[in-house]
Amino acid sequence: MKDITKTIKILSSLADENRFIIIKELLLRDYCVGGLARKLNITEAAVSQHLKILKEVGLITGEKRGYYRHYRVNKEILKYVAKEIEVISEIKRESSVLCPPSNKNDCLLCRKGS
């Protein structure tokens, strides 16, 4: 998977409020589905669906402990996304001198066929 595709998939998985909260809770301690459901006041089925999405992008891992599976955050993936955001935040903007706001037709960047 290309870096940008990977980053977008990870960020998309975090864009849901419940999934973001799940990640925050799993950073504090390991939880099973039932524990997360009670903590978030949503159904176990809903938690399972959220966990599935988070697992698909590698943000969480699960470990079987007796009858239950407990989940934890893969911090390396969080660090990877943080680094990608840091990299794009450091991009230097180009001058917009080539795009005068007065006339779109005079702009070298906006002109059709450029």
N, C-alpha and C. Protein backbone atom coordinates (compact mmCIF):
# COMPACT_ATOMS: atom_id res chain seq x y z
N MET A 1 0.85 -1.17 0.00
CA MET A 1 0.00 0.00 0.00
C MET A 1 0.90 1.24 0.00
N LYS A 2 0.60 2.19 -0.88
CA LYS A 2 1.38 3.41 -0.94
C LYS A 2 1.22 4.18 0.36
N ASP A 3 2.24 4.97 0.70
CA ASP A 3 2.21 5.73 1.96
C ASP A 3 0.97 6.61 2.08
N ILE A 4 0.64 7.34 1.02
CA ILE A 4 -0.50 8.26 1.11
C ILE A 4 -1.80 7.48 1.29
N THR A 5 -1.94 6.36 0.60
CA THR A 5 -3.13 5.53 0.73
C THR A 5 -3.22 4.97 2.14
N LYS A 6 -2.12 4.51 2.66
CA LYS A 6 -2.08 3.97 4.02
C LYS A 6 -2.47 5.05 5.03
N THR A 7 -1.88 6.22 4.89
CA THR A 7 -2.16 7.32 5.81
C THR A 7 -3.63 7.72 5.76
N ILE A 8 -4.18 7.82 4.57
CA ILE A 8 -5.59 8.20 4.42
C ILE A 8 -6.51 7.16 5.04
N LYS A 9 -6.21 5.89 4.84
CA LYS A 9 -7.03 4.83 5.44
C LYS A 9 -6.99 4.89 6.96
N ILE A 10 -5.82 5.14 7.51
CA ILE A 10 -5.69 5.23 8.97
C ILE A 10 -6.46 6.45 9.49
N LEU A 11 -6.25 7.59 8.85
CA LEU A 11 -6.96 8.80 9.28
C LEU A 11 -8.47 8.64 9.13
N SER A 12 -8.91 8.00 8.07
CA SER A 12 -10.35 7.76 7.88
C SER A 12 -10.92 6.90 8.99
N SER A 13 -10.14 5.92 9.42
CA SER A 13 -10.63 5.05 10.49
C SER A 13 -10.75 5.82 11.80
N LEU A 14 -9.97 6.86 11.99
CA LEU A 14 -10.02 7.66 13.21
C LEU A 14 -11.04 8.79 13.13
N ALA A 15 -11.62 9.00 11.96
CA ALA A 15 -12.55 10.12 11.76
C ALA A 15 -13.90 9.90 12.45
N ASP A 16 -14.18 8.68 12.86
CA ASP A 16 -15.41 8.38 13.57
C ASP A 16 -15.20 8.64 15.06
N GLU A 17 -16.13 9.35 15.70
CA GLU A 17 -15.99 9.71 17.11
C GLU A 17 -15.81 8.49 18.02
N ASN A 18 -16.63 7.46 17.81
CA ASN A 18 -16.51 6.26 18.66
C ASN A 18 -15.17 5.57 18.49
N ARG A 19 -14.68 5.48 17.25
CA ARG A 19 -13.38 4.84 17.03
C ARG A 19 -12.26 5.66 17.65
N PHE A 20 -12.37 6.97 17.57
CA PHE A 20 -11.36 7.83 18.19
C PHE A 20 -11.36 7.62 19.70
N ILE A 21 -12.54 7.55 20.30
CA ILE A 21 -12.65 7.31 21.74
C ILE A 21 -12.11 5.93 22.09
N ILE A 22 -12.42 4.94 21.26
CA ILE A 22 -11.89 3.58 21.50
C ILE A 22 -10.37 3.61 21.55
N ILE A 23 -9.75 4.30 20.61
CA ILE A 23 -8.28 4.40 20.59
C ILE A 23 -7.79 5.06 21.87
N LYS A 24 -8.44 6.15 22.26
CA LYS A 24 -8.01 6.84 23.50
C LYS A 24 -8.14 5.92 24.71
N GLU A 25 -9.24 5.17 24.79
CA GLU A 25 -9.44 4.26 25.91
C GLU A 25 -8.41 3.12 25.90
N LEU A 26 -8.13 2.60 24.70
CA LEU A 26 -7.17 1.50 24.60
C LEU A 26 -5.73 1.96 24.86
N LEU A 27 -5.48 3.24 24.77
CA LEU A 27 -4.17 3.75 25.14
C LEU A 27 -4.00 3.74 26.66
N LEU A 28 -5.12 3.83 27.38
CA LEU A 28 -5.08 3.82 28.84
C LEU A 28 -4.96 2.41 29.41
N ARG A 29 -5.67 1.46 28.76
CA ARG A 29 -5.66 0.07 29.24
C ARG A 29 -6.26 -0.83 28.17
N ASP A 30 -5.99 -2.13 28.29
CA ASP A 30 -6.59 -3.12 27.38
C ASP A 30 -8.06 -3.31 27.76
N TYR A 31 -8.88 -3.52 26.75
CA TYR A 31 -10.30 -3.77 26.96
C TYR A 31 -10.74 -4.95 26.11
N CYS A 32 -11.80 -5.61 26.57
CA CYS A 32 -12.51 -6.58 25.73
C CYS A 32 -13.69 -5.84 25.11
N VAL A 33 -14.40 -6.49 24.20
CA VAL A 33 -15.54 -5.87 23.52
C VAL A 33 -16.58 -5.40 24.53
N GLY A 34 -16.90 -6.27 25.48
CA GLY A 34 -17.93 -5.92 26.48
C GLY A 34 -17.55 -4.71 27.31
N GLY A 35 -16.30 -4.64 27.71
CA GLY A 35 -15.83 -3.50 28.49
C GLY A 35 -15.91 -2.20 27.71
N LEU A 36 -15.52 -2.25 26.44
CA LEU A 36 -15.62 -1.05 25.60
C LEU A 36 -17.08 -0.65 25.39
N ALA A 37 -17.94 -1.65 25.20
CA ALA A 37 -19.36 -1.37 24.98
C ALA A 37 -19.94 -0.64 26.20
N ARG A 38 -19.61 -1.11 27.39
CA ARG A 38 -20.10 -0.45 28.60
C ARG A 38 -19.50 0.95 28.74
N LYS A 39 -18.22 1.08 28.47
CA LYS A 39 -17.53 2.37 28.60
C LYS A 39 -18.12 3.42 27.65
N LEU A 40 -18.43 3.00 26.40
CA LEU A 40 -18.94 3.93 25.39
C LEU A 40 -20.46 3.99 25.35
N ASN A 41 -21.10 3.10 26.10
CA ASN A 41 -22.56 3.02 26.12
C ASN A 41 -23.13 2.75 24.72
N ILE A 42 -22.51 1.80 24.03
CA ILE A 42 -23.02 1.33 22.74
C ILE A 42 -23.04 -0.20 22.78
N THR A 43 -23.64 -0.81 21.77
CA THR A 43 -23.77 -2.27 21.78
C THR A 43 -22.43 -2.94 21.49
N GLU A 44 -22.34 -4.20 21.93
CA GLU A 44 -21.13 -4.98 21.63
C GLU A 44 -20.96 -5.17 20.13
N ALA A 45 -22.09 -5.30 19.42
CA ALA A 45 -22.02 -5.44 17.96
C ALA A 45 -21.40 -4.20 17.32
N ALA A 46 -21.79 -3.02 17.82
CA ALA A 46 -21.23 -1.78 17.29
C ALA A 46 -19.74 -1.70 17.58
N VAL A 47 -19.35 -2.06 18.79
CA VAL A 47 -17.92 -2.05 19.16
C VAL A 47 -17.16 -3.00 18.24
N SER A 48 -17.70 -4.19 18.01
CA SER A 48 -17.04 -5.17 17.14
C SER A 48 -16.81 -4.61 15.74
N GLN A 49 -17.80 -3.89 15.22
CA GLN A 49 -17.64 -3.29 13.89
C GLN A 49 -16.55 -2.23 13.90
N HIS A 50 -16.52 -1.41 14.93
CA HIS A 50 -15.47 -0.39 15.04
C HIS A 50 -14.09 -1.04 15.16
N LEU A 51 -14.00 -2.08 15.98
CA LEU A 51 -12.72 -2.77 16.15
C LEU A 51 -12.25 -3.40 14.85
N LYS A 52 -13.17 -3.92 14.08
CA LYS A 52 -12.83 -4.53 12.79
C LYS A 52 -12.14 -3.50 11.88
N ILE A 53 -12.70 -2.30 11.84
CA ILE A 53 -12.13 -1.23 11.01
C ILE A 53 -10.75 -0.83 11.52
N LEU A 54 -10.62 -0.71 12.82
CA LEU A 54 -9.33 -0.33 13.40
C LEU A 54 -8.27 -1.42 13.20
N LYS A 55 -8.71 -2.69 13.25
CA LYS A 55 -7.78 -3.80 13.01
C LYS A 55 -7.31 -3.83 11.56
N GLU A 56 -8.24 -3.54 10.64
CA GLU A 56 -7.90 -3.59 9.21
C GLU A 56 -6.77 -2.63 8.84
N VAL A 57 -6.68 -1.50 9.53
CA VAL A 57 -5.61 -0.54 9.22
C VAL A 57 -4.41 -0.72 10.14
N GLY A 58 -4.48 -1.71 11.02
CA GLY A 58 -3.35 -2.02 11.88
C GLY A 58 -3.25 -1.20 13.15
N LEU A 59 -4.28 -0.41 13.45
CA LEU A 59 -4.22 0.45 14.63
C LEU A 59 -4.35 -0.31 15.95
N ILE A 60 -5.00 -1.46 15.91
CA ILE A 60 -5.14 -2.25 17.14
C ILE A 60 -4.80 -3.71 16.88
N THR A 61 -4.47 -4.37 17.96
CA THR A 61 -4.25 -5.82 17.91
C THR A 61 -5.05 -6.44 19.04
N GLY A 62 -5.39 -7.70 18.87
CA GLY A 62 -6.15 -8.41 19.89
C GLY A 62 -5.40 -9.62 20.39
N GLU A 63 -5.58 -9.90 21.67
CA GLU A 63 -4.93 -11.06 22.28
C GLU A 63 -5.98 -11.84 23.06
N LYS A 64 -6.07 -13.12 22.77
CA LYS A 64 -7.01 -13.98 23.46
C LYS A 64 -6.53 -14.24 24.88
N ARG A 65 -7.40 -13.94 25.85
CA ARG A 65 -7.11 -14.20 27.27
C ARG A 65 -8.31 -14.95 27.84
N GLY A 66 -8.16 -16.24 27.94
CA GLY A 66 -9.28 -17.06 28.39
C GLY A 66 -10.39 -17.02 27.36
N TYR A 67 -11.58 -16.68 27.81
CA TYR A 67 -12.74 -16.64 26.95
C TYR A 67 -12.79 -15.36 26.10
N TYR A 68 -12.14 -14.30 26.56
CA TYR A 68 -12.24 -12.98 25.92
C TYR A 68 -10.99 -12.61 25.15
N ARG A 69 -11.18 -11.74 24.18
CA ARG A 69 -10.07 -11.16 23.43
C ARG A 69 -9.93 -9.72 23.93
N HIS A 70 -8.73 -9.35 24.32
CA HIS A 70 -8.45 -8.00 24.78
C HIS A 70 -7.64 -7.26 23.71
N TYR A 71 -7.94 -5.97 23.56
CA TYR A 71 -7.36 -5.18 22.49
C TYR A 71 -6.44 -4.11 23.04
N ARG A 72 -5.44 -3.77 22.22
CA ARG A 72 -4.51 -2.69 22.56
C ARG A 72 -4.13 -1.95 21.28
N VAL A 73 -3.61 -0.75 21.45
CA VAL A 73 -3.24 0.11 20.32
C VAL A 73 -1.83 -0.23 19.86
N ASN A 74 -1.67 -0.25 18.55
CA ASN A 74 -0.34 -0.37 17.95
C ASN A 74 0.21 1.06 17.85
N LYS A 75 0.99 1.46 18.83
CA LYS A 75 1.48 2.84 18.89
C LYS A 75 2.38 3.20 17.71
N GLU A 76 3.00 2.20 17.10
CA GLU A 76 3.86 2.48 15.95
C GLU A 76 3.04 3.06 14.79
N ILE A 77 1.83 2.59 14.64
CA ILE A 77 0.96 3.13 13.57
C ILE A 77 0.57 4.56 13.90
N LEU A 78 0.25 4.84 15.16
CA LEU A 78 -0.06 6.22 15.56
C LEU A 78 1.14 7.13 15.32
N LYS A 79 2.31 6.66 15.65
CA LYS A 79 3.52 7.46 15.44
C LYS A 79 3.77 7.70 13.95
N TYR A 80 3.49 6.67 13.15
CA TYR A 80 3.65 6.79 11.69
C TYR A 80 2.74 7.91 11.15
N VAL A 81 1.47 7.90 11.56
CA VAL A 81 0.52 8.91 11.08
C VAL A 81 0.92 10.29 11.59
N ALA A 82 1.34 10.38 12.83
CA ALA A 82 1.78 11.66 13.38
C ALA A 82 2.96 12.21 12.57
N LYS A 83 3.88 11.33 12.20
CA LYS A 83 5.04 11.74 11.41
C LYS A 83 4.61 12.23 10.02
N GLU A 84 3.67 11.53 9.41
CA GLU A 84 3.17 11.94 8.09
C GLU A 84 2.52 13.32 8.17
N ILE A 85 1.77 13.57 9.22
CA ILE A 85 1.13 14.88 9.39
C ILE A 85 2.19 15.95 9.63
N GLU A 86 3.20 15.61 10.40
CA GLU A 86 4.29 16.55 10.64
C GLU A 86 5.00 16.90 9.34
N VAL A 87 5.24 15.89 8.51
CA VAL A 87 5.91 16.12 7.22
C VAL A 87 5.10 17.09 6.35
N ILE A 88 3.79 16.86 6.23
CA ILE A 88 3.01 17.76 5.36
C ILE A 88 2.85 19.15 5.98
N SER A 89 2.94 19.24 7.31
CA SER A 89 2.82 20.56 7.94
C SER A 89 4.05 21.41 7.67
N GLU A 90 5.16 20.78 7.28
CA GLU A 90 6.41 21.50 7.02
C GLU A 90 6.58 21.88 5.55
N ILE A 91 5.63 21.51 4.69
CA ILE A 91 5.75 21.84 3.26
C ILE A 91 5.72 23.35 3.08
N LYS A 92 6.66 23.85 2.31
CA LYS A 92 6.74 25.28 2.03
C LYS A 92 5.80 25.63 0.89
N ARG A 93 5.00 26.66 1.11
CA ARG A 93 4.07 27.12 0.06
C ARG A 93 4.83 27.83 -1.03
N GLU A 94 4.37 27.62 -2.26
CA GLU A 94 4.94 28.35 -3.38
C GLU A 94 4.29 29.72 -3.44
N SER A 95 4.97 30.63 -4.05
CA SER A 95 4.43 31.97 -4.22
C SER A 95 3.24 31.90 -5.16
N SER A 96 2.25 32.73 -4.90
CA SER A 96 1.07 32.74 -5.78
C SER A 96 1.14 33.91 -6.76
N VAL A 97 2.37 34.39 -7.04
CA VAL A 97 2.54 35.51 -7.96
C VAL A 97 2.04 35.16 -9.36
N LEU A 98 2.11 33.87 -9.71
CA LEU A 98 1.67 33.46 -11.04
C LEU A 98 0.16 33.46 -11.19
N CYS A 99 -0.55 33.63 -10.10
CA CYS A 99 -2.01 33.57 -10.14
C CYS A 99 -2.59 34.87 -9.60
N PRO A 100 -2.61 35.91 -10.44
CA PRO A 100 -3.18 37.17 -9.98
C PRO A 100 -4.69 37.02 -9.79
N PRO A 101 -5.23 37.51 -8.69
CA PRO A 101 -6.66 37.35 -8.43
C PRO A 101 -7.55 38.16 -9.36
N SER A 102 -6.99 39.09 -10.12
CA SER A 102 -7.82 39.97 -10.95
C SER A 102 -8.40 39.28 -12.18
N ASN A 103 -7.65 38.35 -12.81
CA ASN A 103 -8.14 37.77 -14.05
C ASN A 103 -7.66 36.33 -14.19
N LYS A 104 -8.60 35.40 -14.10
CA LYS A 104 -8.27 33.97 -14.17
C LYS A 104 -7.59 33.61 -15.49
N ASN A 105 -7.96 34.27 -16.56
CA ASN A 105 -7.40 33.95 -17.88
C ASN A 105 -5.92 34.31 -17.99
N ASP A 106 -5.47 35.23 -17.14
CA ASP A 106 -4.06 35.62 -17.16
C ASP A 106 -3.19 34.72 -16.29
N CYS A 107 -3.82 33.88 -15.52
CA CYS A 107 -3.09 33.04 -14.58
C CYS A 107 -2.44 31.85 -15.30
N LEU A 108 -1.14 31.70 -15.14
CA LEU A 108 -0.42 30.59 -15.77
C LEU A 108 -0.81 29.25 -15.16
N LEU A 109 -1.25 29.25 -13.91
CA LEU A 109 -1.62 28.01 -13.25
C LEU A 109 -3.06 27.58 -13.53
N CYS A 110 -3.95 28.54 -13.76
CA CYS A 110 -5.37 28.23 -13.94
C CYS A 110 -5.77 28.06 -15.40
N ARG A 111 -4.98 28.58 -16.30
CA ARG A 111 -5.29 28.55 -17.73
C ARG A 111 -5.47 27.12 -18.22
N LYS A 112 -6.48 26.88 -19.02
CA LYS A 112 -6.70 25.54 -19.59
C LYS A 112 -5.55 25.20 -20.53
N GLY A 113 -5.17 23.92 -20.46
CA GLY A 113 -4.10 23.45 -21.34
C GLY A 113 -2.72 23.69 -20.77
N SER A 114 -2.64 24.20 -19.56
CA SER A 114 -1.33 24.44 -18.95
C SER A 114 -0.75 23.19 -18.40
